[in-house]
mmCIF file of all heavy atoms, coordinates in Angstrom:
data_MODEL
# 
_entry.id   MODEL 
# 
loop_
_atom_site.group_PDB 
_atom_site.id 
_atom_site.type_symbol 
_atom_site.label_atom_id 
_atom_site.label_alt_id 
_atom_site.label_comp_id 
_atom_site.label_asym_id 
_atom_site.label_entity_id 
_atom_site.label_seq_id 
_atom_site.pdbx_PDB_ins_code 
_atom_site.Cartn_x 
_atom_site.Cartn_y 
_atom_site.Cartn_z 
_atom_site.occupancy 
_atom_site.B_iso_or_equiv 
_atom_site.pdbx_formal_charge 
_atom_site.auth_seq_id 
_atom_site.auth_comp_id 
_atom_site.auth_asym_id 
_atom_site.auth_atom_id 
_atom_site.pdbx_PDB_model_num 
ATOM 1   N N   . ASN A 1 1  ? 106.497 118.502 119.105 1.00 0.00 ? 1  ASN A N   1 
ATOM 2   C CA  . ASN A 1 1  ? 107.954 118.556 118.972 1.00 0.00 ? 1  ASN A CA  1 
ATOM 3   C C   . ASN A 1 1  ? 108.531 117.165 118.738 1.00 0.00 ? 1  ASN A C   1 
ATOM 4   O O   . ASN A 1 1  ? 109.602 116.808 119.211 1.00 0.00 ? 1  ASN A O   1 
ATOM 5   C CB  . ASN A 1 1  ? 108.580 119.187 120.227 1.00 0.00 ? 1  ASN A CB  1 
ATOM 6   C CG  . ASN A 1 1  ? 110.029 119.557 119.961 1.00 0.00 ? 1  ASN A CG  1 
ATOM 7   O OD1 . ASN A 1 1  ? 110.429 119.818 118.839 1.00 0.00 ? 1  ASN A OD1 1 
ATOM 8   N ND2 . ASN A 1 1  ? 110.837 119.618 121.032 1.00 0.00 ? 1  ASN A ND2 1 
ATOM 9   N N   . THR A 1 2  ? 107.775 116.314 118.011 1.00 0.00 ? 2  THR A N   1 
ATOM 10  C CA  . THR A 1 2  ? 108.225 114.960 117.757 1.00 0.00 ? 2  THR A CA  1 
ATOM 11  C C   . THR A 1 2  ? 109.167 114.936 116.542 1.00 0.00 ? 2  THR A C   1 
ATOM 12  O O   . THR A 1 2  ? 108.812 115.445 115.477 1.00 0.00 ? 2  THR A O   1 
ATOM 13  C CB  . THR A 1 2  ? 107.018 114.045 117.498 1.00 0.00 ? 2  THR A CB  1 
ATOM 14  O OG1 . THR A 1 2  ? 106.182 114.080 118.648 1.00 0.00 ? 2  THR A OG1 1 
ATOM 15  C CG2 . THR A 1 2  ? 107.478 112.623 117.234 1.00 0.00 ? 2  THR A CG2 1 
ATOM 16  N N   . GLN A 1 3  ? 110.326 114.344 116.737 1.00 0.00 ? 3  GLN A N   1 
ATOM 17  C CA  . GLN A 1 3  ? 111.246 114.168 115.610 1.00 0.00 ? 3  GLN A CA  1 
ATOM 18  C C   . GLN A 1 3  ? 110.776 113.020 114.733 1.00 0.00 ? 3  GLN A C   1 
ATOM 19  O O   . GLN A 1 3  ? 110.334 111.992 115.230 1.00 0.00 ? 3  GLN A O   1 
ATOM 20  C CB  . GLN A 1 3  ? 112.653 113.866 116.149 1.00 0.00 ? 3  GLN A CB  1 
ATOM 21  C CG  . GLN A 1 3  ? 113.207 114.968 117.025 1.00 0.00 ? 3  GLN A CG  1 
ATOM 22  C CD  . GLN A 1 3  ? 113.539 116.203 116.256 1.00 0.00 ? 3  GLN A CD  1 
ATOM 23  O OE1 . GLN A 1 3  ? 114.162 116.154 115.215 1.00 0.00 ? 3  GLN A OE1 1 
ATOM 24  N NE2 . GLN A 1 3  ? 113.102 117.343 116.742 1.00 0.00 ? 3  GLN A NE2 1 
ATOM 25  N N   . LEU A 1 4  ? 110.846 113.211 113.440 1.00 0.00 ? 4  LEU A N   1 
ATOM 26  C CA  . LEU A 1 4  ? 110.442 112.166 112.516 1.00 0.00 ? 4  LEU A CA  1 
ATOM 27  C C   . LEU A 1 4  ? 111.650 111.337 112.110 1.00 0.00 ? 4  LEU A C   1 
ATOM 28  O O   . LEU A 1 4  ? 112.742 111.840 111.973 1.00 0.00 ? 4  LEU A O   1 
ATOM 29  C CB  . LEU A 1 4  ? 109.806 112.768 111.273 1.00 0.00 ? 4  LEU A CB  1 
ATOM 30  C CG  . LEU A 1 4  ? 108.483 113.532 111.524 1.00 0.00 ? 4  LEU A CG  1 
ATOM 31  C CD1 . LEU A 1 4  ? 107.944 114.063 110.215 1.00 0.00 ? 4  LEU A CD1 1 
ATOM 32  C CD2 . LEU A 1 4  ? 107.452 112.681 112.204 1.00 0.00 ? 4  LEU A CD2 1 
ATOM 33  N N   . THR A 1 5  ? 111.412 110.042 111.902 1.00 0.00 ? 5  THR A N   1 
ATOM 34  C CA  . THR A 1 5  ? 112.462 109.180 111.419 1.00 0.00 ? 5  THR A CA  1 
ATOM 35  C C   . THR A 1 5  ? 112.624 109.384 109.925 1.00 0.00 ? 5  THR A C   1 
ATOM 36  O O   . THR A 1 5  ? 111.875 110.101 109.292 1.00 0.00 ? 5  THR A O   1 
ATOM 37  C CB  . THR A 1 5  ? 112.115 107.708 111.733 1.00 0.00 ? 5  THR A CB  1 
ATOM 38  O OG1 . THR A 1 5  ? 110.919 107.389 111.033 1.00 0.00 ? 5  THR A OG1 1 
ATOM 39  C CG2 . THR A 1 5  ? 111.923 107.485 113.193 1.00 0.00 ? 5  THR A CG2 1 
ATOM 40  N N   . ASP A 1 6  ? 113.588 108.684 109.342 1.00 0.00 ? 6  ASP A N   1 
ATOM 41  C CA  . ASP A 1 6  ? 113.894 108.874 107.925 1.00 0.00 ? 6  ASP A CA  1 
ATOM 42  C C   . ASP A 1 6  ? 112.697 108.593 107.024 1.00 0.00 ? 6  ASP A C   1 
ATOM 43  O O   . ASP A 1 6  ? 112.558 109.163 105.956 1.00 0.00 ? 6  ASP A O   1 
ATOM 44  C CB  . ASP A 1 6  ? 115.077 107.972 107.506 1.00 0.00 ? 6  ASP A CB  1 
ATOM 45  C CG  . ASP A 1 6  ? 116.374 108.435 108.183 1.00 0.00 ? 6  ASP A CG  1 
ATOM 46  O OD1 . ASP A 1 6  ? 116.421 109.598 108.612 1.00 0.00 ? 6  ASP A OD1 1 
ATOM 47  O OD2 . ASP A 1 6  ? 117.313 107.624 108.270 1.00 0.00 ? 6  ASP A OD2 1 
ATOM 48  N N   . ASP A 1 7  ? 111.830 107.661 107.429 1.00 0.00 ? 7  ASP A N   1 
ATOM 49  C CA  . ASP A 1 7  ? 110.660 107.344 106.608 1.00 0.00 ? 7  ASP A CA  1 
ATOM 50  C C   . ASP A 1 7  ? 109.440 108.127 107.049 1.00 0.00 ? 7  ASP A C   1 
ATOM 51  O O   . ASP A 1 7  ? 108.291 107.770 106.705 1.00 0.00 ? 7  ASP A O   1 
ATOM 52  C CB  . ASP A 1 7  ? 110.383 105.840 106.630 1.00 0.00 ? 7  ASP A CB  1 
ATOM 53  C CG  . ASP A 1 7  ? 110.140 105.332 108.058 1.00 0.00 ? 7  ASP A CG  1 
ATOM 54  O OD1 . ASP A 1 7  ? 110.199 106.141 108.988 1.00 0.00 ? 7  ASP A OD1 1 
ATOM 55  O OD2 . ASP A 1 7  ? 109.866 104.120 108.213 1.00 0.00 ? 7  ASP A OD2 1 
ATOM 56  N N   . ASN A 1 8  ? 109.643 109.207 107.821 1.00 0.00 ? 8  ASN A N   1 
ATOM 57  C CA  . ASN A 1 8  ? 108.577 110.119 108.218 1.00 0.00 ? 8  ASN A CA  1 
ATOM 58  C C   . ASN A 1 8  ? 107.562 109.486 109.170 1.00 0.00 ? 8  ASN A C   1 
ATOM 59  O O   . ASN A 1 8  ? 106.425 109.940 109.242 1.00 0.00 ? 8  ASN A O   1 
ATOM 60  C CB  . ASN A 1 8  ? 107.871 110.727 107.004 1.00 0.00 ? 8  ASN A CB  1 
ATOM 61  C CG  . ASN A 1 8  ? 108.745 111.743 106.293 1.00 0.00 ? 8  ASN A CG  1 
ATOM 62  O OD1 . ASN A 1 8  ? 109.638 112.339 106.917 1.00 0.00 ? 8  ASN A OD1 1 
ATOM 63  N ND2 . ASN A 1 8  ? 108.514 111.941 105.010 1.00 0.00 ? 8  ASN A ND2 1 
ATOM 64  N N   . HIS A 1 9  ? 107.956 108.467 109.873 1.00 0.00 ? 9  HIS A N   1 
ATOM 65  C CA  . HIS A 1 9  ? 107.100 107.861 110.885 1.00 0.00 ? 9  HIS A CA  1 
ATOM 66  C C   . HIS A 1 9  ? 107.865 107.751 112.174 1.00 0.00 ? 9  HIS A C   1 
ATOM 67  O O   . HIS A 1 9  ? 108.879 107.039 112.231 1.00 0.00 ? 9  HIS A O   1 
ATOM 68  C CB  . HIS A 1 9  ? 106.614 106.473 110.439 1.00 0.00 ? 9  HIS A CB  1 
ATOM 69  C CG  . HIS A 1 9  ? 105.728 106.482 109.252 1.00 0.00 ? 9  HIS A CG  1 
ATOM 70  N ND1 . HIS A 1 9  ? 104.424 106.914 109.280 1.00 0.00 ? 9  HIS A ND1 1 
ATOM 71  C CD2 . HIS A 1 9  ? 105.977 106.116 107.962 1.00 0.00 ? 9  HIS A CD2 1 
ATOM 72  C CE1 . HIS A 1 9  ? 103.901 106.824 108.086 1.00 0.00 ? 9  HIS A CE1 1 
ATOM 73  N NE2 . HIS A 1 9  ? 104.809 106.349 107.253 1.00 0.00 ? 9  HIS A NE2 1 
ATOM 74  N N   . PRO A 1 10 ? 107.441 108.434 113.225 1.00 0.00 ? 10 PRO A N   1 
ATOM 75  C CA  . PRO A 1 10 ? 108.164 108.342 114.505 1.00 0.00 ? 10 PRO A CA  1 
ATOM 76  C C   . PRO A 1 10 ? 108.157 106.914 115.024 1.00 0.00 ? 10 PRO A C   1 
ATOM 77  O O   . PRO A 1 10 ? 107.143 106.215 114.977 1.00 0.00 ? 10 PRO A O   1 
ATOM 78  C CB  . PRO A 1 10 ? 107.375 109.277 115.441 1.00 0.00 ? 10 PRO A CB  1 
ATOM 79  C CG  . PRO A 1 10 ? 106.546 110.132 114.544 1.00 0.00 ? 10 PRO A CG  1 
ATOM 80  C CD  . PRO A 1 10 ? 106.272 109.330 113.331 1.00 0.00 ? 10 PRO A CD  1 
ATOM 81  N N   . TYR A 1 11 ? 109.247 106.481 115.546 1.00 0.00 ? 11 TYR A N   1 
ATOM 82  C CA  . TYR A 1 11 ? 109.321 105.147 116.114 1.00 0.00 ? 11 TYR A CA  1 
ATOM 83  C C   . TYR A 1 11 ? 108.684 105.123 117.502 1.00 0.00 ? 11 TYR A C   1 
ATOM 84  O O   . TYR A 1 11 ? 108.821 106.060 118.279 1.00 0.00 ? 11 TYR A O   1 
ATOM 85  C CB  . TYR A 1 11 ? 110.782 104.700 116.282 1.00 0.00 ? 11 TYR A CB  1 
ATOM 86  C CG  . TYR A 1 11 ? 111.500 104.446 114.980 1.00 0.00 ? 11 TYR A CG  1 
ATOM 87  C CD1 . TYR A 1 11 ? 112.885 104.606 114.907 1.00 0.00 ? 11 TYR A CD1 1 
ATOM 88  C CD2 . TYR A 1 11 ? 110.823 104.015 113.839 1.00 0.00 ? 11 TYR A CD2 1 
ATOM 89  C CE1 . TYR A 1 11 ? 113.568 104.364 113.712 1.00 0.00 ? 11 TYR A CE1 1 
ATOM 90  C CE2 . TYR A 1 11 ? 111.485 103.765 112.648 1.00 0.00 ? 11 TYR A CE2 1 
ATOM 91  C CZ  . TYR A 1 11 ? 112.862 103.949 112.583 1.00 0.00 ? 11 TYR A CZ  1 
ATOM 92  O OH  . TYR A 1 11 ? 113.535 103.704 111.413 1.00 0.00 ? 11 TYR A OH  1 
ATOM 93  N N   . ASN A 1 12 ? 107.977 104.037 117.799 1.00 0.00 ? 12 ASN A N   1 
ATOM 94  C CA  . ASN A 1 12 ? 107.490 103.783 119.144 1.00 0.00 ? 12 ASN A CA  1 
ATOM 95  C C   . ASN A 1 12 ? 108.605 103.075 119.912 1.00 0.00 ? 12 ASN A C   1 
ATOM 96  O O   . ASN A 1 12 ? 109.551 102.555 119.353 1.00 0.00 ? 12 ASN A O   1 
ATOM 97  C CB  . ASN A 1 12 ? 106.263 102.856 119.103 1.00 0.00 ? 12 ASN A CB  1 
ATOM 98  C CG  . ASN A 1 12 ? 105.159 103.420 118.220 1.00 0.00 ? 12 ASN A CG  1 
ATOM 99  O OD1 . ASN A 1 12 ? 104.668 104.513 118.448 1.00 0.00 ? 12 ASN A OD1 1 
ATOM 100 N ND2 . ASN A 1 12 ? 104.769 102.671 117.201 1.00 0.00 ? 12 ASN A ND2 1 
ATOM 101 N N   . VAL A 1 13 ? 108.437 103.042 121.237 1.00 0.00 ? 13 VAL A N   1 
ATOM 102 C CA  . VAL A 1 13 ? 109.382 102.352 122.113 1.00 0.00 ? 13 VAL A CA  1 
ATOM 103 C C   . VAL A 1 13 ? 108.637 101.415 123.035 1.00 0.00 ? 13 VAL A C   1 
ATOM 104 O O   . VAL A 1 13 ? 107.637 101.826 123.659 1.00 0.00 ? 13 VAL A O   1 
ATOM 105 C CB  . VAL A 1 13 ? 110.219 103.351 122.953 1.00 0.00 ? 13 VAL A CB  1 
ATOM 106 C CG1 . VAL A 1 13 ? 111.085 102.581 123.965 1.00 0.00 ? 13 VAL A CG1 1 
ATOM 107 C CG2 . VAL A 1 13 ? 111.100 104.197 122.043 1.00 0.00 ? 13 VAL A CG2 1 
ATOM 108 N N   . LEU A 1 14 ? 109.072 100.169 123.125 1.00 0.00 ? 14 LEU A N   1 
ATOM 109 C CA  . LEU A 1 14 ? 108.585 99.216  124.104 1.00 0.00 ? 14 LEU A CA  1 
ATOM 110 C C   . LEU A 1 14 ? 109.766 98.834  124.983 1.00 0.00 ? 14 LEU A C   1 
ATOM 111 O O   . LEU A 1 14 ? 110.699 98.194  124.534 1.00 0.00 ? 14 LEU A O   1 
ATOM 112 C CB  . LEU A 1 14 ? 108.016 97.972  123.438 1.00 0.00 ? 14 LEU A CB  1 
ATOM 113 C CG  . LEU A 1 14 ? 107.537 96.849  124.372 1.00 0.00 ? 14 LEU A CG  1 
ATOM 114 C CD1 . LEU A 1 14 ? 106.428 97.331  125.313 1.00 0.00 ? 14 LEU A CD1 1 
ATOM 115 C CD2 . LEU A 1 14 ? 107.051 95.626  123.561 1.00 0.00 ? 14 LEU A CD2 1 
ATOM 116 N N   . LEU A 1 15 ? 109.717 99.268  126.232 1.00 0.00 ? 15 LEU A N   1 
ATOM 117 C CA  . LEU A 1 15 ? 110.785 99.024  127.207 1.00 0.00 ? 15 LEU A CA  1 
ATOM 118 C C   . LEU A 1 15 ? 110.340 97.928  128.173 1.00 0.00 ? 15 LEU A C   1 
ATOM 119 O O   . LEU A 1 15 ? 109.290 98.039  128.797 1.00 0.00 ? 15 LEU A O   1 
ATOM 120 C CB  . LEU A 1 15 ? 111.108 100.324 127.940 1.00 0.00 ? 15 LEU A CB  1 
ATOM 121 C CG  . LEU A 1 15 ? 112.253 100.306 128.955 1.00 0.00 ? 15 LEU A CG  1 
ATOM 122 C CD1 . LEU A 1 15 ? 112.966 101.650 128.972 1.00 0.00 ? 15 LEU A CD1 1 
ATOM 123 C CD2 . LEU A 1 15 ? 111.708 99.996  130.376 1.00 0.00 ? 15 LEU A CD2 1 
ATOM 124 N N   . ILE A 1 16 ? 111.131 96.856  128.273 1.00 0.00 ? 16 ILE A N   1 
ATOM 125 C CA  . ILE A 1 16 ? 110.792 95.721  129.094 1.00 0.00 ? 16 ILE A CA  1 
ATOM 126 C C   . ILE A 1 16 ? 111.934 95.505  130.107 1.00 0.00 ? 16 ILE A C   1 
ATOM 127 O O   . ILE A 1 16 ? 113.076 95.309  129.703 1.00 0.00 ? 16 ILE A O   1 
ATOM 128 C CB  . ILE A 1 16 ? 110.642 94.437  128.275 1.00 0.00 ? 16 ILE A CB  1 
ATOM 129 C CG1 . ILE A 1 16 ? 109.563 94.611  127.193 1.00 0.00 ? 16 ILE A CG1 1 
ATOM 130 C CG2 . ILE A 1 16 ? 110.295 93.255  129.182 1.00 0.00 ? 16 ILE A CG2 1 
ATOM 131 C CD1 . ILE A 1 16 ? 109.475 93.463  126.198 1.00 0.00 ? 16 ILE A CD1 1 
ATOM 132 N N   . THR A 1 17 ? 111.598 95.559  131.376 1.00 0.00 ? 17 THR A N   1 
ATOM 133 C CA  . THR A 1 17 ? 112.622 95.290  132.399 1.00 0.00 ? 17 THR A CA  1 
ATOM 134 C C   . THR A 1 17 ? 112.184 94.122  133.260 1.00 0.00 ? 17 THR A C   1 
ATOM 135 O O   . THR A 1 17 ? 110.998 93.916  133.506 1.00 0.00 ? 17 THR A O   1 
ATOM 136 C CB  . THR A 1 17 ? 112.896 96.544  133.254 1.00 0.00 ? 17 THR A CB  1 
ATOM 137 O OG1 . THR A 1 17 ? 113.948 96.256  134.170 1.00 0.00 ? 17 THR A OG1 1 
ATOM 138 C CG2 . THR A 1 17 ? 111.675 96.989  134.011 1.00 0.00 ? 17 THR A CG2 1 
ATOM 139 N N   . VAL A 1 18 ? 113.162 93.337  133.694 1.00 0.00 ? 18 VAL A N   1 
ATOM 140 C CA  . VAL A 1 18 ? 112.919 92.133  134.470 1.00 0.00 ? 18 VAL A CA  1 
ATOM 141 C C   . VAL A 1 18 ? 113.670 92.283  135.800 1.00 0.00 ? 18 VAL A C   1 
ATOM 142 O O   . VAL A 1 18 ? 114.841 92.636  135.833 1.00 0.00 ? 18 VAL A O   1 
ATOM 143 C CB  . VAL A 1 18 ? 113.410 90.875  133.734 1.00 0.00 ? 18 VAL A CB  1 
ATOM 144 C CG1 . VAL A 1 18 ? 112.967 89.618  134.434 1.00 0.00 ? 18 VAL A CG1 1 
ATOM 145 C CG2 . VAL A 1 18 ? 112.920 90.879  132.277 1.00 0.00 ? 18 VAL A CG2 1 
ATOM 146 N N   . ASP A 1 19 ? 112.988 91.994  136.892 1.00 0.00 ? 19 ASP A N   1 
ATOM 147 C CA  . ASP A 1 19 ? 113.526 92.270  138.232 1.00 0.00 ? 19 ASP A CA  1 
ATOM 148 C C   . ASP A 1 19 ? 114.412 91.098  138.688 1.00 0.00 ? 19 ASP A C   1 
ATOM 149 O O   . ASP A 1 19 ? 114.013 89.939  138.685 1.00 0.00 ? 19 ASP A O   1 
ATOM 150 C CB  . ASP A 1 19 ? 112.371 92.433  139.212 1.00 0.00 ? 19 ASP A CB  1 
ATOM 151 C CG  . ASP A 1 19 ? 112.758 93.227  140.440 1.00 0.00 ? 19 ASP A CG  1 
ATOM 152 O OD1 . ASP A 1 19 ? 113.942 93.500  140.628 1.00 0.00 ? 19 ASP A OD1 1 
ATOM 153 O OD2 . ASP A 1 19 ? 111.835 93.565  141.222 1.00 0.00 ? 19 ASP A OD2 1 
ATOM 154 N N   . ASP A 1 20 ? 115.649 91.432  139.105 1.00 0.00 ? 20 ASP A N   1 
ATOM 155 C CA  . ASP A 1 20 ? 116.573 90.452  139.709 1.00 0.00 ? 20 ASP A CA  1 
ATOM 156 C C   . ASP A 1 20 ? 117.005 89.347  138.755 1.00 0.00 ? 20 ASP A C   1 
ATOM 157 O O   . ASP A 1 20 ? 117.401 88.274  139.201 1.00 0.00 ? 20 ASP A O   1 
ATOM 158 C CB  . ASP A 1 20 ? 115.935 89.799  140.947 1.00 0.00 ? 20 ASP A CB  1 
ATOM 159 C CG  . ASP A 1 20 ? 115.893 90.745  142.152 1.00 0.00 ? 20 ASP A CG  1 
ATOM 160 O OD1 . ASP A 1 20 ? 115.989 91.966  141.958 1.00 0.00 ? 20 ASP A OD1 1 
ATOM 161 O OD2 . ASP A 1 20 ? 115.762 90.245  143.292 1.00 0.00 ? 20 ASP A OD2 1 
ATOM 162 N N   . LEU A 1 21 ? 116.938 89.586  137.462 1.00 0.00 ? 21 LEU A N   1 
ATOM 163 C CA  . LEU A 1 21 ? 117.397 88.587  136.481 1.00 0.00 ? 21 LEU A CA  1 
ATOM 164 C C   . LEU A 1 21 ? 118.898 88.765  136.274 1.00 0.00 ? 21 LEU A C   1 
ATOM 165 O O   . LEU A 1 21 ? 119.353 89.802  135.786 1.00 0.00 ? 21 LEU A O   1 
ATOM 166 C CB  . LEU A 1 21 ? 116.662 88.762  135.165 1.00 0.00 ? 21 LEU A CB  1 
ATOM 167 C CG  . LEU A 1 21 ? 117.160 87.883  134.008 1.00 0.00 ? 21 LEU A CG  1 
ATOM 168 C CD1 . LEU A 1 21 ? 116.931 86.409  134.309 1.00 0.00 ? 21 LEU A CD1 1 
ATOM 169 C CD2 . LEU A 1 21 ? 116.470 88.283  132.709 1.00 0.00 ? 21 LEU A CD2 1 
ATOM 170 N N   . ASN A 1 22 ? 119.672 87.733  136.647 1.00 0.00 ? 22 ASN A N   1 
ATOM 171 C CA  . ASN A 1 22 ? 121.099 87.808  136.374 1.00 0.00 ? 22 ASN A CA  1 
ATOM 172 C C   . ASN A 1 22 ? 121.370 87.386  134.934 1.00 0.00 ? 22 ASN A C   1 
ATOM 173 O O   . ASN A 1 22 ? 120.481 87.547  134.076 1.00 0.00 ? 22 ASN A O   1 
ATOM 174 C CB  . ASN A 1 22 ? 121.893 86.954  137.404 1.00 0.00 ? 22 ASN A CB  1 
ATOM 175 C CG  . ASN A 1 22 ? 121.484 85.484  137.375 1.00 0.00 ? 22 ASN A CG  1 
ATOM 176 O OD1 . ASN A 1 22 ? 120.978 84.965  136.388 1.00 0.00 ? 22 ASN A OD1 1 
ATOM 177 N ND2 . ASN A 1 22 ? 121.772 84.789  138.470 1.00 0.00 ? 22 ASN A ND2 1 
ATOM 178 N N   . ASP A 1 23 ? 122.534 86.873  134.611 1.00 0.00 ? 23 ASP A N   1 
ATOM 179 C CA  . ASP A 1 23 ? 122.828 86.512  133.223 1.00 0.00 ? 23 ASP A CA  1 
ATOM 180 C C   . ASP A 1 23 ? 122.419 85.084  132.873 1.00 0.00 ? 23 ASP A C   1 
ATOM 181 O O   . ASP A 1 23 ? 122.940 84.509  131.932 1.00 0.00 ? 23 ASP A O   1 
ATOM 182 C CB  . ASP A 1 23 ? 124.321 86.766  132.930 1.00 0.00 ? 23 ASP A CB  1 
ATOM 183 C CG  . ASP A 1 23 ? 125.235 86.057  133.891 1.00 0.00 ? 23 ASP A CG  1 
ATOM 184 O OD1 . ASP A 1 23 ? 124.768 85.170  134.623 1.00 0.00 ? 23 ASP A OD1 1 
ATOM 185 O OD2 . ASP A 1 23 ? 126.431 86.390  133.912 1.00 0.00 ? 23 ASP A OD2 1 
ATOM 186 N N   . TRP A 1 24 ? 121.475 84.551  133.616 1.00 0.00 ? 24 TRP A N   1 
ATOM 187 C CA  . TRP A 1 24 ? 120.982 83.183  133.309 1.00 0.00 ? 24 TRP A CA  1 
ATOM 188 C C   . TRP A 1 24 ? 119.923 83.225  132.226 1.00 0.00 ? 24 TRP A C   1 
ATOM 189 O O   . TRP A 1 24 ? 118.735 82.997  132.442 1.00 0.00 ? 24 TRP A O   1 
ATOM 190 C CB  . TRP A 1 24 ? 120.416 82.533  134.556 1.00 0.00 ? 24 TRP A CB  1 
ATOM 191 C CG  . TRP A 1 24 ? 121.462 82.103  135.541 1.00 0.00 ? 24 TRP A CG  1 
ATOM 192 C CD1 . TRP A 1 24 ? 122.778 82.458  135.566 1.00 0.00 ? 24 TRP A CD1 1 
ATOM 193 C CD2 . TRP A 1 24 ? 121.272 81.240  136.684 1.00 0.00 ? 24 TRP A CD2 1 
ATOM 194 N NE1 . TRP A 1 24 ? 123.425 81.884  136.628 1.00 0.00 ? 24 TRP A NE1 1 
ATOM 195 C CE2 . TRP A 1 24 ? 122.519 81.131  137.330 1.00 0.00 ? 24 TRP A CE2 1 
ATOM 196 C CE3 . TRP A 1 24 ? 120.186 80.564  137.215 1.00 0.00 ? 24 TRP A CE3 1 
ATOM 197 C CZ2 . TRP A 1 24 ? 122.698 80.353  138.474 1.00 0.00 ? 24 TRP A CZ2 1 
ATOM 198 C CZ3 . TRP A 1 24 ? 120.356 79.810  138.353 1.00 0.00 ? 24 TRP A CZ3 1 
ATOM 199 C CH2 . TRP A 1 24 ? 121.596 79.702  138.967 1.00 0.00 ? 24 TRP A CH2 1 
ATOM 200 N N   . THR A 1 25 ? 120.349 83.540  131.006 1.00 0.00 ? 25 THR A N   1 
ATOM 201 C CA  . THR A 1 25 ? 119.507 83.446  129.826 1.00 0.00 ? 25 THR A CA  1 
ATOM 202 C C   . THR A 1 25 ? 120.254 82.634  128.790 1.00 0.00 ? 25 THR A C   1 
ATOM 203 O O   . THR A 1 25 ? 121.476 82.532  128.813 1.00 0.00 ? 25 THR A O   1 
ATOM 204 C CB  . THR A 1 25 ? 119.170 84.828  129.252 1.00 0.00 ? 25 THR A CB  1 
ATOM 205 O OG1 . THR A 1 25 ? 120.350 85.430  128.717 1.00 0.00 ? 25 THR A OG1 1 
ATOM 206 C CG2 . THR A 1 25 ? 118.576 85.748  130.309 1.00 0.00 ? 25 THR A CG2 1 
# 
């Protein structure tokens, strides 16, 4: 039941979370 993107290739997802990081970037 995977939806295909416009170019017929499903996008992958890389989710990155950082612990206790305030806006000091």
